[in-house]
Amino acid sequence: MSEKSPVNWAALEEKPEFRALLARKKAFIVPAFLFFMIYYLALPVLVGYFPEVMKTKLWGEVNVAYVFAFSQFIMAWVMAWLYVRVAAKWDKAAAEIIHGHD
């Protein structure tokens, strides 16, 4: 089943609006990815190199490492929420570019 797409993808790729959309996506995705990876990998690095700091008790038996680990769950949900909001705008812009609306 080979259906021909009604969209001329080669012509679409040449549009400045399309290239601007790709640039906006890259401007969000690359820094977000780098932030996420640094934040995610910070826990094992901090526990490995600064164990005494991470063992510092904050509330009862809850220490800095536990709080940081929990914050990673919150950060992941915030990043996902933020991405969904931004991606919805990209989808709308892409639809406008594809269908010739400005």
N, C-alpha and C. Protein backbone atom coordinates (compact mmCIF):
# COMPACT_ATOMS: atom_id res chain seq x y z
N MET A 1 0.84 -1.18 0.00
CA MET A 1 0.00 0.00 0.00
C MET A 1 0.88 1.24 0.00
N SER A 2 1.07 1.76 -1.13
CA SER A 2 1.89 2.96 -1.24
C SER A 2 0.99 4.14 -1.57
N GLU A 3 0.82 5.02 -0.59
CA GLU A 3 0.02 6.21 -0.80
C GLU A 3 0.94 7.39 -1.03
N LYS A 4 0.64 8.16 -2.03
CA LYS A 4 1.43 9.35 -2.33
C LYS A 4 1.00 10.46 -1.38
N SER A 5 1.96 11.08 -0.72
CA SER A 5 1.67 12.18 0.19
C SER A 5 1.31 13.43 -0.60
N PRO A 6 0.27 14.16 -0.18
CA PRO A 6 -0.10 15.38 -0.89
C PRO A 6 0.86 16.54 -0.60
N VAL A 7 1.78 16.33 0.29
CA VAL A 7 2.72 17.39 0.68
C VAL A 7 4.01 17.23 -0.12
N ASN A 8 4.47 18.31 -0.69
CA ASN A 8 5.75 18.32 -1.40
C ASN A 8 6.84 18.58 -0.35
N TRP A 9 7.40 17.52 0.16
CA TRP A 9 8.35 17.64 1.28
C TRP A 9 9.64 18.33 0.86
N ALA A 10 10.07 18.14 -0.36
CA ALA A 10 11.30 18.79 -0.83
C ALA A 10 11.12 20.31 -0.86
N ALA A 11 9.97 20.78 -1.34
CA ALA A 11 9.71 22.22 -1.37
C ALA A 11 9.52 22.76 0.04
N LEU A 12 8.89 21.97 0.88
CA LEU A 12 8.68 22.39 2.27
C LEU A 12 10.00 22.59 2.99
N GLU A 13 10.94 21.71 2.72
CA GLU A 13 12.24 21.78 3.36
C GLU A 13 12.99 23.07 3.01
N GLU A 14 12.70 23.63 1.87
CA GLU A 14 13.38 24.85 1.43
C GLU A 14 12.78 26.13 2.01
N LYS A 15 11.60 26.04 2.58
CA LYS A 15 10.94 27.24 3.12
C LYS A 15 11.72 27.79 4.31
N PRO A 16 11.90 29.11 4.38
CA PRO A 16 12.58 29.71 5.54
C PRO A 16 11.81 29.49 6.84
N GLU A 17 10.48 29.43 6.74
CA GLU A 17 9.67 29.18 7.94
C GLU A 17 9.96 27.79 8.53
N PHE A 18 10.15 26.83 7.63
CA PHE A 18 10.46 25.46 8.08
C PHE A 18 11.83 25.42 8.75
N ARG A 19 12.79 26.07 8.14
CA ARG A 19 14.14 26.10 8.71
C ARG A 19 14.14 26.83 10.05
N ALA A 20 13.35 27.89 10.17
CA ALA A 20 13.24 28.62 11.44
C ALA A 20 12.61 27.74 12.51
N LEU A 21 11.61 26.94 12.10
CA LEU A 21 10.99 26.01 13.05
C LEU A 21 12.01 24.99 13.55
N LEU A 22 12.80 24.45 12.64
CA LEU A 22 13.84 23.49 13.05
C LEU A 22 14.85 24.14 13.98
N ALA A 23 15.20 25.39 13.72
CA ALA A 23 16.15 26.10 14.59
C ALA A 23 15.54 26.32 15.97
N ARG A 24 14.25 26.66 16.04
CA ARG A 24 13.59 26.85 17.35
C ARG A 24 13.54 25.54 18.12
N LYS A 25 13.26 24.46 17.40
CA LYS A 25 13.23 23.15 18.07
C LYS A 25 14.61 22.80 18.63
N LYS A 26 15.63 23.01 17.82
CA LYS A 26 17.00 22.70 18.26
C LYS A 26 17.41 23.57 19.44
N ALA A 27 16.98 24.84 19.41
CA ALA A 27 17.33 25.76 20.50
C ALA A 27 16.70 25.34 21.82
N PHE A 28 15.61 24.59 21.77
CA PHE A 28 15.01 24.08 23.01
C PHE A 28 15.55 22.70 23.36
N ILE A 29 15.57 21.81 22.38
CA ILE A 29 15.88 20.40 22.67
C ILE A 29 17.31 20.19 23.14
N VAL A 30 18.28 20.82 22.51
CA VAL A 30 19.68 20.60 22.89
C VAL A 30 19.96 21.07 24.32
N PRO A 31 19.61 22.31 24.70
CA PRO A 31 19.85 22.71 26.09
C PRO A 31 19.04 21.89 27.09
N ALA A 32 17.79 21.54 26.74
CA ALA A 32 16.97 20.73 27.65
C ALA A 32 17.61 19.36 27.87
N PHE A 33 18.09 18.76 26.79
CA PHE A 33 18.76 17.46 26.91
C PHE A 33 20.02 17.56 27.77
N LEU A 34 20.83 18.57 27.51
CA LEU A 34 22.06 18.75 28.29
C LEU A 34 21.75 18.97 29.77
N PHE A 35 20.76 19.83 30.05
CA PHE A 35 20.38 20.06 31.44
C PHE A 35 19.92 18.76 32.09
N PHE A 36 19.05 18.02 31.40
CA PHE A 36 18.53 16.78 31.94
C PHE A 36 19.65 15.79 32.24
N MET A 37 20.56 15.60 31.31
CA MET A 37 21.65 14.64 31.51
C MET A 37 22.58 15.05 32.64
N ILE A 38 22.92 16.33 32.70
CA ILE A 38 23.78 16.81 33.79
C ILE A 38 23.08 16.63 35.13
N TYR A 39 21.81 17.00 35.20
CA TYR A 39 21.06 16.86 36.45
C TYR A 39 20.93 15.40 36.84
N TYR A 40 20.64 14.54 35.87
CA TYR A 40 20.47 13.12 36.15
C TYR A 40 21.77 12.47 36.60
N LEU A 41 22.87 12.81 35.95
CA LEU A 41 24.16 12.21 36.29
C LEU A 41 24.82 12.85 37.50
N ALA A 42 24.30 13.98 37.94
CA ALA A 42 24.88 14.66 39.10
C ALA A 42 24.76 13.81 40.36
N LEU A 43 23.67 13.09 40.53
CA LEU A 43 23.49 12.29 41.75
C LEU A 43 24.60 11.25 41.93
N PRO A 44 24.84 10.37 40.96
CA PRO A 44 25.92 9.40 41.19
C PRO A 44 27.30 10.05 41.32
N VAL A 45 27.51 11.14 40.59
CA VAL A 45 28.81 11.82 40.70
C VAL A 45 28.96 12.44 42.09
N LEU A 46 27.94 13.12 42.57
CA LEU A 46 28.01 13.73 43.89
C LEU A 46 28.13 12.69 45.00
N VAL A 47 27.39 11.60 44.88
CA VAL A 47 27.49 10.54 45.88
C VAL A 47 28.89 9.92 45.85
N GLY A 48 29.46 9.79 44.67
CA GLY A 48 30.78 9.19 44.55
C GLY A 48 31.91 10.09 45.03
N TYR A 49 31.85 11.37 44.68
CA TYR A 49 32.95 12.27 45.01
C TYR A 49 32.74 13.08 46.29
N PHE A 50 31.50 13.27 46.70
CA PHE A 50 31.21 14.05 47.90
C PHE A 50 30.23 13.31 48.81
N PRO A 51 30.60 12.10 49.24
CA PRO A 51 29.65 11.29 50.02
C PRO A 51 29.27 11.93 51.35
N GLU A 52 30.17 12.64 51.98
CA GLU A 52 29.84 13.24 53.27
C GLU A 52 28.80 14.34 53.13
N VAL A 53 28.90 15.11 52.06
CA VAL A 53 27.90 16.16 51.81
C VAL A 53 26.55 15.52 51.55
N MET A 54 26.54 14.47 50.76
CA MET A 54 25.28 13.82 50.40
C MET A 54 24.66 13.08 51.59
N LYS A 55 25.49 12.72 52.58
CA LYS A 55 24.98 12.05 53.78
C LYS A 55 24.41 13.02 54.80
N THR A 56 24.56 14.30 54.57
CA THR A 56 24.06 15.30 55.51
C THR A 56 22.56 15.12 55.72
N LYS A 57 22.18 14.93 56.97
CA LYS A 57 20.77 14.69 57.30
C LYS A 57 20.01 16.02 57.31
N LEU A 58 18.84 15.99 56.71
CA LEU A 58 18.00 17.18 56.65
C LEU A 58 16.82 17.09 57.59
N TRP A 59 16.07 15.96 57.54
CA TRP A 59 14.93 15.72 58.41
C TRP A 59 15.00 14.26 58.86
N GLY A 60 15.30 14.02 60.10
CA GLY A 60 15.40 12.65 60.59
C GLY A 60 16.46 11.88 59.82
N GLU A 61 16.04 10.78 59.19
CA GLU A 61 16.97 9.97 58.40
C GLU A 61 17.05 10.40 56.94
N VAL A 62 16.30 11.41 56.57
CA VAL A 62 16.29 11.88 55.19
C VAL A 62 17.52 12.77 54.96
N ASN A 63 18.36 12.36 54.02
CA ASN A 63 19.58 13.12 53.78
C ASN A 63 19.53 13.83 52.42
N VAL A 64 20.58 14.55 52.10
CA VAL A 64 20.65 15.31 50.87
C VAL A 64 20.49 14.41 49.65
N ALA A 65 21.08 13.23 49.67
CA ALA A 65 20.99 12.31 48.53
C ALA A 65 19.54 11.91 48.26
N TYR A 66 18.77 11.61 49.31
CA TYR A 66 17.37 11.25 49.12
C TYR A 66 16.57 12.42 48.53
N VAL A 67 16.81 13.61 49.04
CA VAL A 67 16.10 14.78 48.54
C VAL A 67 16.47 15.04 47.08
N PHE A 68 17.75 14.91 46.75
CA PHE A 68 18.17 15.12 45.37
C PHE A 68 17.56 14.06 44.46
N ALA A 69 17.55 12.81 44.91
CA ALA A 69 16.96 11.73 44.10
C ALA A 69 15.47 11.99 43.88
N PHE A 70 14.76 12.42 44.91
CA PHE A 70 13.34 12.74 44.75
C PHE A 70 13.14 13.92 43.80
N SER A 71 14.03 14.88 43.88
CA SER A 71 13.92 16.05 43.00
C SER A 71 14.06 15.66 41.53
N GLN A 72 14.75 14.57 41.26
CA GLN A 72 14.89 14.12 39.88
C GLN A 72 13.55 13.67 39.30
N PHE A 73 12.71 13.07 40.13
CA PHE A 73 11.38 12.69 39.67
C PHE A 73 10.56 13.94 39.35
N ILE A 74 10.63 14.91 40.23
CA ILE A 74 9.90 16.16 40.00
C ILE A 74 10.43 16.85 38.74
N MET A 75 11.74 16.90 38.61
CA MET A 75 12.34 17.54 37.45
C MET A 75 11.93 16.84 36.16
N ALA A 76 11.87 15.53 36.16
CA ALA A 76 11.46 14.79 34.96
C ALA A 76 10.02 15.13 34.57
N TRP A 77 9.13 15.22 35.55
CA TRP A 77 7.74 15.59 35.26
C TRP A 77 7.64 17.02 34.76
N VAL A 78 8.42 17.92 35.35
CA VAL A 78 8.41 19.32 34.89
C VAL A 78 8.94 19.42 33.47
N MET A 79 10.02 18.71 33.19
CA MET A 79 10.58 18.72 31.83
C MET A 79 9.58 18.15 30.83
N ALA A 80 8.90 17.08 31.19
CA ALA A 80 7.90 16.49 30.30
C ALA A 80 6.75 17.47 30.06
N TRP A 81 6.27 18.12 31.11
CA TRP A 81 5.19 19.10 30.98
C TRP A 81 5.62 20.26 30.09
N LEU A 82 6.82 20.75 30.32
CA LEU A 82 7.35 21.86 29.52
C LEU A 82 7.49 21.45 28.05
N TYR A 83 8.00 20.25 27.82
CA TYR A 83 8.17 19.78 26.45
C TYR A 83 6.82 19.66 25.74
N VAL A 84 5.82 19.14 26.41
CA VAL A 84 4.50 19.00 25.79
C VAL A 84 3.95 20.36 25.40
N ARG A 85 4.11 21.34 26.27
CA ARG A 85 3.63 22.70 25.95
C ARG A 85 4.35 23.27 24.74
N VAL A 86 5.67 23.15 24.71
CA VAL A 86 6.45 23.71 23.60
C VAL A 86 6.18 22.92 22.32
N ALA A 87 6.10 21.62 22.42
CA ALA A 87 5.88 20.78 21.23
C ALA A 87 4.51 21.06 20.60
N ALA A 88 3.52 21.40 21.41
CA ALA A 88 2.21 21.75 20.85
C ALA A 88 2.32 22.99 19.96
N LYS A 89 3.13 23.94 20.37
CA LYS A 89 3.35 25.13 19.55
C LYS A 89 4.09 24.77 18.26
N TRP A 90 5.04 23.85 18.35
CA TRP A 90 5.76 23.41 17.15
C TRP A 90 4.81 22.70 16.19
N ASP A 91 3.93 21.88 16.73
CA ASP A 91 2.97 21.17 15.89
C ASP A 91 2.06 22.15 15.15
N LYS A 92 1.60 23.17 15.86
CA LYS A 92 0.74 24.17 15.23
C LYS A 92 1.51 24.91 14.14
N ALA A 93 2.75 25.30 14.44
CA ALA A 93 3.57 26.01 13.44
C ALA A 93 3.85 25.11 12.24
N ALA A 94 4.12 23.84 12.47
CA ALA A 94 4.37 22.89 11.37
C ALA A 94 3.14 22.74 10.50
N ALA A 95 1.97 22.64 11.12
CA ALA A 95 0.73 22.51 10.35
C ALA A 95 0.50 23.75 9.49
N GLU A 96 0.79 24.92 10.04
CA GLU A 96 0.63 26.15 9.27
C GLU A 96 1.60 26.20 8.09
N ILE A 97 2.82 25.75 8.33
CA ILE A 97 3.81 25.74 7.25
C ILE A 97 3.40 24.73 6.16
N ILE A 98 2.97 23.56 6.58
CA ILE A 98 2.59 22.52 5.62
C ILE A 98 1.39 22.93 4.79
N HIS A 99 0.43 23.54 5.42
CA HIS A 99 -0.80 23.89 4.73
C HIS A 99 -0.76 25.29 4.12
N GLY A 100 0.37 25.97 4.20
CA GLY A 100 0.54 27.25 3.54
C GLY A 100 -0.04 28.44 4.24
N HIS A 101 -0.36 28.29 5.53
CA HIS A 101 -0.91 29.41 6.28
C HIS A 101 0.21 30.14 6.98
N ASP A 102 0.09 31.44 7.08
CA ASP A 102 1.11 32.21 7.80
C ASP A 102 0.50 32.96 8.95
